[in-house]
C-alpha atoms as a PDB file:
ATOM      1  CA  UNK A   1      14.910 -16.668  35.223  1.00  0.00           C
ATOM      2  CA  UNK A   2      17.897 -17.695  37.301  1.00  0.00           C
ATOM      3  CA  UNK A   3      19.989 -17.403  34.118  1.00  0.00           C
ATOM      4  CA  UNK A   4      19.013 -13.736  33.504  1.00  0.00           C
ATOM      5  CA  UNK A   5      19.415 -12.897  37.200  1.00  0.00           C
ATOM      6  CA  UNK A   6      22.869 -14.320  37.092  1.00  0.00           C
ATOM      7  CA  UNK A   7      23.676 -12.451  33.876  1.00  0.00           C
ATOM      8  CA  UNK A   8      22.421  -9.133  35.456  1.00  0.00           C
ATOM      9  CA  UNK A   9      24.615  -9.916  38.614  1.00  0.00           C
ATOM     10  CA  UNK A  10      27.806 -10.637  36.449  1.00  0.00           C
ATOM     11  CA  UNK A  11      27.290  -7.361  34.536  1.00  0.00           C
ATOM     12  CA  UNK A  12      27.079  -5.412  37.853  1.00  0.00           C
ATOM     13  CA  UNK A  13      30.346  -7.181  38.990  1.00  0.00           C
ATOM     14  CA  UNK A  14      32.208  -6.497  35.769  1.00  0.00           C
ATOM     15  CA  UNK A  15      31.038  -2.840  35.995  1.00  0.00           C
ATOM     16  CA  UNK A  16      32.366  -2.585  39.585  1.00  0.00           C
ATOM     17  CA  UNK A  17      35.733  -3.990  38.398  1.00  0.00           C
ATOM     18  CA  UNK A  18      36.109  -1.938  35.291  1.00  0.00           C
ATOM     19  CA  UNK A  19      34.378   1.129  36.790  1.00  0.00           C
ATOM     20  CA  UNK A  20      31.801   1.449  34.131  1.00  0.00           C
ATOM     21  CA  UNK A  21      28.184   0.239  33.715  1.00  0.00           C
ATOM     22  CA  UNK A  22      26.845  -0.195  30.316  1.00  0.00           C
ATOM     23  CA  UNK A  23      23.901   2.008  29.696  1.00  0.00           C
ATOM     24  CA  UNK A  24      21.190   2.015  27.123  1.00  0.00           C
ATOM     25  CA  UNK A  25      18.882   4.962  25.910  1.00  0.00           C
ATOM     26  CA  UNK A  26      15.569   3.671  24.585  1.00  0.00           C
ATOM     27  CA  UNK A  27      13.430   6.295  22.887  1.00  0.00           C
ATOM     28  CA  UNK A  28       9.629   5.682  22.995  1.00  0.00           C
ATOM     29  CA  UNK A  29      10.135   3.491  25.992  1.00  0.00           C
ATOM     30  CA  UNK A  30       6.634   3.974  27.652  1.00  0.00           C
ATOM     31  CA  UNK A  31       4.642   1.328  25.853  1.00  0.00           C
ATOM     32  CA  UNK A  32       4.832  -1.246  22.959  1.00  0.00           C
ATOM     33  CA  UNK A  33       8.092  -2.620  21.727  1.00  0.00           C
ATOM     34  CA  UNK A  34      10.101   0.165  23.397  1.00  0.00           C
ATOM     35  CA  UNK A  35       8.841  -0.762  26.793  1.00  0.00           C
ATOM     36  CA  UNK A  36       9.459  -4.400  26.158  1.00  0.00           C
ATOM     37  CA  UNK A  37      13.126  -3.570  24.952  1.00  0.00           C
ATOM     38  CA  UNK A  38      13.704  -1.386  27.966  1.00  0.00           C
ATOM     39  CA  UNK A  39      12.729  -3.989  30.470  1.00  0.00           C
ATOM     40  CA  UNK A  40      14.604  -6.827  28.768  1.00  0.00           C
ATOM     41  CA  UNK A  41      17.766  -4.743  28.491  1.00  0.00           C
ATOM     42  CA  UNK A  42      17.430  -3.961  32.255  1.00  0.00           C
ATOM     43  CA  UNK A  43      17.044  -7.783  32.845  1.00  0.00           C
ATOM     44  CA  UNK A  44      20.411  -8.302  30.944  1.00  0.00           C
ATOM     45  CA  UNK A  45      22.156  -5.881  33.393  1.00  0.00           C
ATOM     46  CA  UNK A  46      22.087  -2.612  31.445  1.00  0.00           C
ATOM     47  CA  UNK A  47      21.282   0.645  33.250  1.00  0.00           C
ATOM     48  CA  UNK A  48      18.329   1.906  31.148  1.00  0.00           C
ATOM     49  CA  UNK A  49      17.384   5.557  30.349  1.00  0.00           C
ATOM     50  CA  UNK A  50      13.724   5.924  29.590  1.00  0.00           C
ATOM     51  CA  UNK A  51      12.309   8.483  27.040  1.00  0.00           C
ATOM     52  CA  UNK A  52       8.709   9.337  26.630  1.00  0.00           C
ATOM     53  CA  UNK A  53       6.448  12.223  25.622  1.00  0.00           C
ATOM     54  CA  UNK A  54       5.057  13.001  29.012  1.00  0.00           C
ATOM     55  CA  UNK A  55       5.967  12.566  32.597  1.00  0.00           C
ATOM     56  CA  UNK A  56       2.898  10.471  33.715  1.00  0.00           C
ATOM     57  CA  UNK A  57       3.551   7.743  31.045  1.00  0.00           C
ATOM     58  CA  UNK A  58       7.276   7.829  32.085  1.00  0.00           C
ATOM     59  CA  UNK A  59       6.294   7.269  35.635  1.00  0.00           C
ATOM     60  CA  UNK A  60       4.028   4.455  34.686  1.00  0.00           C
ATOM     61  CA  UNK A  61       6.609   2.683  32.537  1.00  0.00           C
ATOM     62  CA  UNK A  62       9.198   3.011  35.289  1.00  0.00           C
ATOM     63  CA  UNK A  63       6.769   1.436  37.768  1.00  0.00           C
ATOM     64  CA  UNK A  64       5.838  -1.325  35.412  1.00  0.00           C
ATOM     65  CA  UNK A  65       9.395  -2.326  34.602  1.00  0.00           C
ATOM     66  CA  UNK A  66      10.381  -2.429  38.356  1.00  0.00           C
ATOM     67  CA  UNK A  67       7.346  -4.580  39.174  1.00  0.00           C
ATOM     68  CA  UNK A  68       7.932  -6.868  36.168  1.00  0.00           C
ATOM     69  CA  UNK A  69      11.622  -7.221  37.018  1.00  0.00           C
ATOM     70  CA  UNK A  70      10.956  -8.129  40.671  1.00  0.00           C
ATOM     71  CA  UNK A  71       8.140 -10.578  39.909  1.00  0.00           C
ATOM     72  CA  UNK A  72       9.851 -12.260  37.065  1.00  0.00           C
ATOM     73  CA  UNK A  73      13.391 -12.724  38.261  1.00  0.00           C
ATOM     74  CA  UNK A  74      12.557 -13.214  41.955  1.00  0.00           C
ATOM     75  CA  UNK A  75      15.656 -11.318  43.039  1.00  0.00           C
ATOM     76  CA  UNK A  76      16.313  -8.468  45.535  1.00  0.00           C
ATOM     77  CA  UNK A  77      18.252  -6.654  42.891  1.00  0.00           C
ATOM     78  CA  UNK A  78      16.384  -3.952  41.361  1.00  0.00           C
ATOM     79  CA  UNK A  79      16.504  -2.652  37.762  1.00  0.00           C
ATOM     80  CA  UNK A  80      18.606   0.384  37.305  1.00  0.00           C
ATOM     81  CA  UNK A  81      16.270   2.770  35.521  1.00  0.00           C
ATOM     82  CA  UNK A  82      16.517   6.570  35.004  1.00  0.00           C
ATOM     83  CA  UNK A  83      13.640   8.709  33.645  1.00  0.00           C
ATOM     84  CA  UNK A  84      14.852  11.417  31.331  1.00  0.00           C
ATOM     85  CA  UNK A  85      12.731  14.639  31.083  1.00  0.00           C
ATOM     86  CA  UNK A  86       9.844  14.175  28.625  1.00  0.00           C
ATOM     87  CA  UNK A  87      10.581  15.223  25.123  1.00  0.00           C
ATOM     88  CA  UNK A  88       8.492  15.699  21.994  1.00  0.00           C
ATOM     89  CA  UNK A  89      10.531  14.212  19.092  1.00  0.00           C
ATOM     90  CA  UNK A  90       8.316  15.598  16.340  1.00  0.00           C
ATOM     91  CA  UNK A  91      10.531  18.767  16.320  1.00  0.00           C
ATOM     92  CA  UNK A  92      14.204  19.252  15.917  1.00  0.00           C
ATOM     93  CA  UNK A  93      14.297  21.176  19.154  1.00  0.00           C
ATOM     94  CA  UNK A  94      12.531  18.313  20.945  1.00  0.00           C
ATOM     95  CA  UNK A  95      15.057  15.859  19.682  1.00  0.00           C
ATOM     96  CA  UNK A  96      17.915  18.262  20.530  1.00  0.00           C
ATOM     97  CA  UNK A  97      16.616  18.644  24.037  1.00  0.00           C
ATOM     98  CA  UNK A  98      16.515  14.842  24.531  1.00  0.00           C
ATOM     99  CA  UNK A  99      20.236  14.637  23.421  1.00  0.00           C
ATOM    100  CA  UNK A 100      21.206  17.547  25.696  1.00  0.00           C
ATOM    101  CA  UNK A 101      19.253  16.095  28.668  1.00  0.00           C
ATOM    102  CA  UNK A 102      21.099  12.840  28.071  1.00  0.00           C
ATOM    103  CA  UNK A 103      24.422  14.410  27.916  1.00  0.00           C
ATOM    104  CA  UNK A 104      23.670  16.346  31.091  1.00  0.00           C
ATOM    105  CA  UNK A 105      22.708  13.150  32.757  1.00  0.00           C
ATOM    106  CA  UNK A 106      26.114  11.513  32.044  1.00  0.00           C
ATOM    107  CA  UNK A 107      28.000  14.644  33.126  1.00  0.00           C
ATOM    108  CA  UNK A 108      26.494  14.519  36.605  1.00  0.00           C
ATOM    109  CA  UNK A 109      28.971  13.388  39.221  1.00  0.00           C
ATOM    110  CA  UNK A 110      26.736  10.576  40.438  1.00  0.00           C
ATOM    111  CA  UNK A 111      26.605   9.002  36.959  1.00  0.00           C
ATOM    112  CA  UNK A 112      30.215   8.959  36.101  1.00  0.00           C
ATOM    113  CA  UNK A 113      30.257   5.164  36.447  1.00  0.00           C
ATOM    114  CA  UNK A 114      27.747   4.905  33.596  1.00  0.00           C
ATOM    115  CA  UNK A 115      28.710   4.647  29.924  1.00  0.00           C
ATOM    116  CA  UNK A 116      26.261   4.979  26.968  1.00  0.00           C
ATOM    117  CA  UNK A 117      26.736   1.834  25.043  1.00  0.00           C
ATOM    118  CA  UNK A 118      23.371   1.392  23.438  1.00  0.00           C
ATOM    119  CA  UNK A 119      21.120   3.958  21.651  1.00  0.00           C
ATOM    120  CA  UNK A 120      17.871   2.383  20.563  1.00  0.00           C
ATOM    121  CA  UNK A 121      15.947   4.689  18.238  1.00  0.00           C
ATOM    122  CA  UNK A 122      12.599   3.062  18.877  1.00  0.00           C
ATOM    123  CA  UNK A 123      10.096   5.993  18.834  1.00  0.00           C
ATOM    124  CA  UNK A 124       7.840   5.987  15.799  1.00  0.00           C
ATOM    125  CA  UNK A 125       4.557   7.188  14.704  1.00  0.00           C
ATOM    126  CA  UNK A 126       1.860   6.018  12.199  1.00  0.00           C
ATOM    127  CA  UNK A 127      -0.605   8.745  11.608  1.00  0.00           C
ATOM    128  CA  UNK A 128      -3.903   8.421   9.791  1.00  0.00           C
ATOM    129  CA  UNK A 129      -3.968  12.194   9.431  1.00  0.00           C
ATOM    130  CA  UNK A 130      -1.294  14.552   7.888  1.00  0.00           C
ATOM    131  CA  UNK A 131       0.051  16.432  10.940  1.00  0.00           C
ATOM    132  CA  UNK A 132       2.571  19.254  10.620  1.00  0.00           C
ATOM    133  CA  UNK A 133       4.984  19.703  13.542  1.00  0.00           C
ATOM    134  CA  UNK A 134       5.935  23.098  14.832  1.00  0.00           C
ATOM    135  CA  UNK A 135       8.924  22.903  12.606  1.00  0.00           C
ATOM    136  CA  UNK A 136       6.754  22.702   9.602  1.00  0.00           C
ATOM    137  CA  UNK A 137       7.685  19.105   9.025  1.00  0.00           C
ATOM    138  CA  UNK A 138       5.309  16.246   8.508  1.00  0.00           C
ATOM    139  CA  UNK A 139       5.127  14.218  11.737  1.00  0.00           C
ATOM    140  CA  UNK A 140       5.811  10.798  10.327  1.00  0.00           C
ATOM    141  CA  UNK A 141       9.053  11.943   8.735  1.00  0.00           C
ATOM    142  CA  UNK A 142       9.914  14.178  11.786  1.00  0.00           C
ATOM    143  CA  UNK A 143       9.666  11.467  14.370  1.00  0.00           C
ATOM    144  CA  UNK A 144      10.644   8.404  12.371  1.00  0.00           C
ATOM    145  CA  UNK A 145      13.577   9.899  10.422  1.00  0.00           C
ATOM    146  CA  UNK A 146      14.738  13.287  11.537  1.00  0.00           C
ATOM    147  CA  UNK A 147      14.634  12.420  15.349  1.00  0.00           C
ATOM    148  CA  UNK A 148      16.997   9.465  14.946  1.00  0.00           C
ATOM    149  CA  UNK A 149      19.402  11.615  12.886  1.00  0.00           C
ATOM    150  CA  UNK A 150      19.476  14.351  15.416  1.00  0.00           C
ATOM    151  CA  UNK A 151      19.705  12.174  18.500  1.00  0.00           C
ATOM    152  CA  UNK A 152      22.166   9.805  16.973  1.00  0.00           C
ATOM    153  CA  UNK A 153      24.478  12.607  15.820  1.00  0.00           C
ATOM    154  CA  UNK A 154      24.500  14.728  18.970  1.00  0.00           C
ATOM    155  CA  UNK A 155      25.142  11.635  21.269  1.00  0.00           C
ATOM    156  CA  UNK A 156      27.685  10.097  18.912  1.00  0.00           C
ATOM    157  CA  UNK A 157      30.773  11.619  20.668  1.00  0.00           C
ATOM    158  CA  UNK A 158      29.484  10.458  24.026  1.00  0.00           C
ATOM    159  CA  UNK A 159      29.445   6.789  22.787  1.00  0.00           C
ATOM    160  CA  UNK A 160      33.238   6.518  22.623  1.00  0.00           C
ATOM    161  CA  UNK A 161      34.739   4.384  25.319  1.00  0.00           C
ATOM    162  CA  UNK A 162      35.739   6.207  28.474  1.00  0.00           C
ATOM    163  CA  UNK A 163      38.573   3.924  29.334  1.00  0.00           C
ATOM    164  CA  UNK A 164      41.088   1.623  27.443  1.00  0.00           C
ATOM    165  CA  UNK A 165      39.584  -1.458  29.352  1.00  0.00           C
ATOM    166  CA  UNK A 166      36.245  -0.927  27.544  1.00  0.00           C
ATOM    167  CA  UNK A 167      36.325  -3.765  24.929  1.00  0.00           C
ATOM    168  CA  UNK A 168      32.581  -3.753  24.119  1.00  0.00           C
ATOM    169  CA  UNK A 169      31.524  -1.716  21.148  1.00  0.00           C
ATOM    170  CA  UNK A 170      28.798   0.821  21.350  1.00  0.00           C
ATOM    171  CA  UNK A 171      25.663   0.151  19.287  1.00  0.00           C
ATOM    172  CA  UNK A 172      23.215   2.458  17.471  1.00  0.00           C
ATOM    173  CA  UNK A 173      20.087   0.665  16.487  1.00  0.00           C
ATOM    174  CA  UNK A 174      17.171   2.162  14.518  1.00  0.00           C
ATOM    175  CA  UNK A 175      13.663   0.582  14.104  1.00  0.00           C
ATOM    176  CA  UNK A 176      13.022   0.352  10.336  1.00  0.00           C
ATOM    177  CA  UNK A 177      10.278  -1.950   9.075  1.00  0.00           C
ATOM    178  CA  UNK A 178       9.599  -4.728   6.625  1.00  0.00           C
ATOM    179  CA  UNK A 179       6.831  -2.420   5.414  1.00  0.00           C
ATOM    180  CA  UNK A 180       9.443  -0.072   3.835  1.00  0.00           C
ATOM    181  CA  UNK A 181       8.722   0.981   0.320  1.00  0.00           C
ATOM    182  CA  UNK A 182      11.029   0.260  -2.644  1.00  0.00           C
ATOM    183  CA  UNK A 183      12.023   3.816  -3.411  1.00  0.00           C
ATOM    184  CA  UNK A 184      11.219   7.495  -2.388  1.00  0.00           C
ATOM    185  CA  UNK A 185       8.320   8.566  -4.674  1.00  0.00           C
ATOM    186  CA  UNK A 186       8.970  12.424  -4.556  1.00  0.00           C
ATOM    187  CA  UNK A 187      12.053  13.738  -2.965  1.00  0.00           C
ATOM    188  CA  UNK A 188      10.709  17.322  -3.356  1.00  0.00           C
ATOM    189  CA  UNK A 189       7.623  16.606  -1.320  1.00  0.00           C
ATOM    190  CA  UNK A 190       8.588  14.322   1.692  1.00  0.00           C
ATOM    191  CA  UNK A 191       6.050  16.386   3.763  1.00  0.00           C
ATOM    192  CA  UNK A 192       3.094  15.655   1.575  1.00  0.00           C
ATOM    193  CA  UNK A 193       2.430  19.296   0.868  1.00  0.00           C
ATOM    194  CA  UNK A 194       1.470  18.700  -2.758  1.00  0.00           C
ATOM    195  CA  UNK A 195       0.674  15.072  -3.137  1.00  0.00           C
ATOM    196  CA  UNK A 196      -2.284  13.339  -1.408  1.00  0.00           C
ATOM    197  CA  UNK A 197      -1.379  12.165   2.053  1.00  0.00           C
ATOM    198  CA  UNK A 198      -1.502   8.432   2.787  1.00  0.00           C
ATOM    199  CA  UNK A 199      -0.602   7.025   6.198  1.00  0.00           C
ATOM    200  CA  UNK A 200       0.685   3.822   4.735  1.00  0.00           C
ATOM    201  CA  UNK A 201       2.819   5.755   2.103  1.00  0.00           C
ATOM    202  CA  UNK A 202       4.325   8.099   4.641  1.00  0.00           C
ATOM    203  CA  UNK A 203       5.040   5.308   7.023  1.00  0.00           C
ATOM    204  CA  UNK A 204       6.607   2.922   4.506  1.00  0.00           C
ATOM    205  CA  UNK A 205       8.670   5.789   3.002  1.00  0.00           C
ATOM    206  CA  UNK A 206       9.898   6.755   6.519  1.00  0.00           C
ATOM    207  CA  UNK A 207      11.120   3.227   7.125  1.00  0.00           C
ATOM    208  CA  UNK A 208      13.041   3.001   3.823  1.00  0.00           C
ATOM    209  CA  UNK A 209      14.765   6.333   4.875  1.00  0.00           C
ATOM    210  CA  UNK A 210      15.660   4.761   8.212  1.00  0.00           C
ATOM    211  CA  UNK A 211      17.412   2.029   6.370  1.00  0.00           C
ATOM    212  CA  UNK A 212      19.110   4.551   4.039  1.00  0.00           C
ATOM    213  CA  UNK A 213      20.247   6.639   7.156  1.00  0.00           C
ATOM    214  CA  UNK A 214      21.576   3.521   8.913  1.00  0.00           C
ATOM    215  CA  UNK A 215      23.735   2.559   5.989  1.00  0.00           C
ATOM    216  CA  UNK A 216      25.007   6.113   5.412  1.00  0.00           C
ATOM    217  CA  UNK A 217      25.934   6.667   9.148  1.00  0.00           C
ATOM    218  CA  UNK A 218      27.647   3.256   9.308  1.00  0.00           C
ATOM    219  CA  UNK A 219      29.576   4.214   6.114  1.00  0.00           C
ATOM    220  CA  UNK A 220      30.796   7.441   7.598  1.00  0.00           C
ATOM    221  CA  UNK A 221      31.734   5.725  10.867  1.00  0.00           C
ATOM    222  CA  UNK A 222      33.799   3.271   8.871  1.00  0.00           C
ATOM    223  CA  UNK A 223      35.428   5.969   6.862  1.00  0.00           C
ATOM    224  CA  UNK A 224      37.056   7.429  10.092  1.00  0.00           C
ATOM    225  CA  UNK A 225      37.842   4.085  11.584  1.00  0.00           C
ATOM    226  CA  UNK A 226      35.147   4.092  14.318  1.00  0.00           C
ATOM    227  CA  UNK A 227      33.097   1.250  12.751  1.00  0.00           C
ATOM    228  CA  UNK A 228      33.005  -1.613  13.438  1.00  0.00           C
ATOM    229  CA  UNK A 229      35.359  -1.852  16.255  1.00  0.00           C
ATOM    230  CA  UNK A 230      34.187   1.025  18.411  1.00  0.00           C
ATOM    231  CA  UNK A 231      30.649   1.809  17.268  1.00  0.00           C
ATOM    232  CA  UNK A 232      28.253  -0.183  15.142  1.00  0.00           C
ATOM    233  CA  UNK A 233      25.047   1.122  13.424  1.00  0.00           C
ATOM    234  CA  UNK A 234      22.274  -1.248  12.348  1.00  0.00           C
ATOM    235  CA  UNK A 235      18.589  -1.314  11.765  1.00  0.00           C
ATOM    236  CA  UNK A 236      15.862  -3.955  11.932  1.00  0.00           C
ATOM    237  CA  UNK A 237      12.277  -4.826  11.347  1.00  0.00           C
ATOM    238  CA  UNK A 238      11.216  -5.423  15.073  1.00  0.00           C
ATOM    239  CA  UNK A 239       8.701  -8.000  13.987  1.00  0.00           C
ATOM    240  CA  UNK A 240       5.015  -8.041  13.262  1.00  0.00           C
ATOM    241  CA  UNK A 241       3.845  -7.062  16.696  1.00  0.00           C
ATOM    242  CA  UNK A 242       0.394  -6.105  18.058  1.00  0.00           C
ATOM    243  CA  UNK A 243       1.411  -2.609  19.028  1.00  0.00           C
ATOM    244  CA  UNK A 244      -0.904   0.471  18.860  1.00  0.00           C
ATOM    245  CA  UNK A 245       0.736   1.348  15.636  1.00  0.00           C
ATOM    246  CA  UNK A 246       0.128  -2.032  13.934  1.00  0.00           C
ATOM    247  CA  UNK A 247      -3.461  -2.296  15.247  1.00  0.00           C
ATOM    248  CA  UNK A 248      -4.166   1.201  13.886  1.00  0.00           C
ATOM    249  CA  UNK A 249      -2.641   0.460  10.384  1.00  0.00           C
ATOM    250  CA  UNK A 250      -3.120  -3.312   9.846  1.00  0.00           C
ATOM    251  CA  UNK A 251      -5.165  -4.714  12.637  1.00  0.00           C
ATOM    252  CA  UNK A 252      -4.256  -7.617  15.138  1.00  0.00           C
ATOM    253  CA  UNK A 253      -1.983  -9.680  12.740  1.00  0.00           C
ATOM    254  CA  UNK A 254       1.209 -10.000  14.879  1.00  0.00           C
ATOM    255  CA  UNK A 255       2.642 -11.498  17.948  1.00  0.00           C
ATOM    256  CA  UNK A 256       2.221 -10.258  21.491  1.00  0.00           C
ATOM    257  CA  UNK A 257       4.252  -7.252  22.529  1.00  0.00           C
ATOM    258  CA  UNK A 258       5.897  -9.244  25.213  1.00  0.00           C
ATOM    259  CA  UNK A 259       7.413 -11.667  22.731  1.00  0.00           C
ATOM    260  CA  UNK A 260       8.899  -8.769  20.554  1.00  0.00           C
ATOM    261  CA  UNK A 261      12.565  -9.404  21.590  1.00  0.00           C
ATOM    262  CA  UNK A 262      14.283  -8.677  18.277  1.00  0.00           C
ATOM    263  CA  UNK A 263      15.365  -5.190  19.317  1.00  0.00           C
ATOM    264  CA  UNK A 264      16.724  -6.459  22.565  1.00  0.00           C
ATOM    265  CA  UNK A 265      18.764  -9.019  20.580  1.00  0.00           C
ATOM    266  CA  UNK A 266      20.244  -6.451  18.119  1.00  0.00           C
ATOM    267  CA  UNK A 267      21.110  -4.165  20.990  1.00  0.00           C
ATOM    268  CA  UNK A 268      22.868  -6.839  23.041  1.00  0.00           C
ATOM    269  CA  UNK A 269      23.564 -10.204  21.419  1.00  0.00           C
ATOM    270  CA  UNK A 270      27.216 -11.221  20.941  1.00  0.00           C
ATOM    271  CA  UNK A 271      26.027 -12.818  17.657  1.00  0.00           C
ATOM    272  CA  UNK A 272      26.206  -9.403  15.928  1.00  0.00           C
ATOM    273  CA  UNK A 273      29.283  -8.112  17.453  1.00  0.00           C
ATOM    274  CA  UNK A 274      31.157  -6.134  14.911  1.00  0.00           C
ATOM    275  CA  UNK A 275      28.337  -6.152  12.425  1.00  0.00           C
ATOM    276  CA  UNK A 276      27.537  -2.687  10.948  1.00  0.00           C
ATOM    277  CA  UNK A 277      25.509  -1.172   8.333  1.00  0.00           C
ATOM    278  CA  UNK A 278      22.971  -4.050   8.258  1.00  0.00           C
ATOM    279  CA  UNK A 279      19.277  -4.495   8.198  1.00  0.00           C
ATOM    280  CA  UNK A 280      17.819  -7.543  10.132  1.00  0.00           C
ATOM    281  CA  UNK A 281      14.486  -9.289  10.209  1.00  0.00           C
ATOM    282  CA  UNK A 282      13.715 -12.139  12.674  1.00  0.00           C
ATOM    283  CA  UNK A 283      17.308 -12.009  13.938  1.00  0.00           C
ATOM    284  CA  UNK A 284      18.792 -12.576  10.474  1.00  0.00           C
ATOM    285  CA  UNK A 285      20.597 -10.234   8.183  1.00  0.00           C
ATOM    286  CA  UNK A 286      18.534  -9.324   5.196  1.00  0.00           C
ATOM    287  CA  UNK A 287      18.869  -6.788   2.354  1.00  0.00           C
ATOM    288  CA  UNK A 288      16.627  -3.631   2.673  1.00  0.00           C
ATOM    289  CA  UNK A 289      15.109  -2.059  -0.497  1.00  0.00           C
ATOM    290  CA  UNK A 290      17.811  -1.592  -3.233  1.00  0.00           C
ATOM    291  CA  UNK A 291      17.504   2.199  -3.124  1.00  0.00           C
ATOM    292  CA  UNK A 292      18.834   2.193   0.408  1.00  0.00           C
ATOM    293  CA  UNK A 293      22.298   1.350  -1.076  1.00  0.00           C
ATOM    294  CA  UNK A 294      22.137   4.129  -3.689  1.00  0.00           C
ATOM    295  CA  UNK A 295      24.799   6.734  -2.814  1.00  0.00           C
ATOM    296  CA  UNK A 296      22.948   9.483  -4.678  1.00  0.00           C
ATOM    297  CA  UNK A 297      19.814   8.784  -2.882  1.00  0.00           C
ATOM    298  CA  UNK A 298      21.478   8.770   0.564  1.00  0.00           C
ATOM    299  CA  UNK A 299      23.155  11.975  -0.265  1.00  0.00           C
ATOM    300  CA  UNK A 300      19.712  13.694  -0.914  1.00  0.00           C
ATOM    301  CA  UNK A 301      18.531  12.309   2.410  1.00  0.00           C
ATOM    302  CA  UNK A 302      21.592  13.782   3.949  1.00  0.00           C
ATOM    303  CA  UNK A 303      21.262  17.190   2.351  1.00  0.00           C
ATOM    304  CA  UNK A 304      17.633  17.368   3.523  1.00  0.00           C
ATOM    305  CA  UNK A 305      18.462  16.347   7.149  1.00  0.00           C
ATOM    306  CA  UNK A 306      21.554  18.646   7.230  1.00  0.00           C
ATOM    307  CA  UNK A 307      19.193  21.617   6.303  1.00  0.00           C
ATOM    308  CA  UNK A 308      16.749  20.749   9.094  1.00  0.00           C
ATOM    309  CA  UNK A 309      19.515  20.144  11.848  1.00  0.00           C
ATOM    310  CA  UNK A 310      22.912  21.763  10.772  1.00  0.00           C
ATOM    311  CA  UNK A 311      24.311  21.252  14.199  1.00  0.00           C
ATOM    312  CA  UNK A 312      23.610  17.358  14.098  1.00  0.00           C
ATOM    313  CA  UNK A 313      25.243  17.315  10.517  1.00  0.00           C
ATOM    314  CA  UNK A 314      28.293  19.190  11.821  1.00  0.00           C
ATOM    315  CA  UNK A 315      29.086  16.292  14.065  1.00  0.00           C
ATOM    316  CA  UNK A 316      29.874  14.235  11.113  1.00  0.00           C
ATOM    317  CA  UNK A 317      32.931  16.393  10.189  1.00  0.00           C
ATOM    318  CA  UNK A 318      34.546  14.668  13.090  1.00  0.00           C
ATOM    319  CA  UNK A 319      36.386  17.736  14.367  1.00  0.00           C
ATOM    320  CA  UNK A 320      35.634  16.596  17.921  1.00  0.00           C
ATOM    321  CA  UNK A 321      37.276  13.342  17.379  1.00  0.00           C
ATOM    322  CA  UNK A 322      40.830  14.726  17.561  1.00  0.00           C
ATOM    323  CA  UNK A 323      39.892  16.543  20.698  1.00  0.00           C
ATOM    324  CA  UNK A 324      38.591  13.295  22.218  1.00  0.00           C
ATOM    325  CA  UNK A 325      41.829  11.561  21.330  1.00  0.00           C
ATOM    326  CA  UNK A 326      43.971  14.392  22.970  1.00  0.00           C
ATOM    327  CA  UNK A 327      41.859  14.144  26.058  1.00  0.00           C
ATOM    328  CA  UNK A 328      42.306  10.469  26.363  1.00  0.00           C
END
């Protein structure tokens, strides 16, 4: 406990010296692994932005983290938490709204000392029934794949260092799963409009697509020299954890949510400094399904996501990069 309190204090001091406080955005932070990740990043000294689907759950998560932090670390220092407006990630507009609200947050005068250094794409769904979002997209694919693409893309320009003294790379982390399938069964029907819907199939396919997306984003960042020195992009299986999602799909076969620290590790550990384009399980690098490395398959995913969110795809032309360099 004292060690974590000291670490938090040291990060505060470094922030005051350098003028910037590392900040993490955790999607789906109101319960489960997202809540565990948010509070443990706060304990490591990060300012944490909380995302959730409704205001009451966000308020409850904020209260829980403050109480946990004060009780566990026995310190007068409070966790630095910020609730973003609630956002529904099952639509492109909802994901876009979260990104816009985040950008607005960092543009406020009182938040100029904060720097977005970690984006944890944690939010996910496992649905027993086929649900179609307002966009006409199947909800598992929408929340688990489209949302990380939109949020990551729109926030990417804001993850660059604000000062030359910033030596810590920014990290993009996405929750994939050991349950990912080996290949996409039908690229023409990701929304299960024609084939019979299966909760397990939709979920496992979405987690393969998360691994594909991670490798593709990392590759594009490396191509323009942003990865791995400035920004890294990785994914992981967060562990077999007794979340609501696991209980609904597989039953109580995992560890307690409080012990699910692999996301916190990948977001913050110096052990993975400079690592990018990787997939981790149990804090070790592993290979995802072979098809995640297939360039043609990744391009098919990119084309689909680009059609759903052209503004997000446009970020990856990196036209904004030259403007950022001019400003700095």
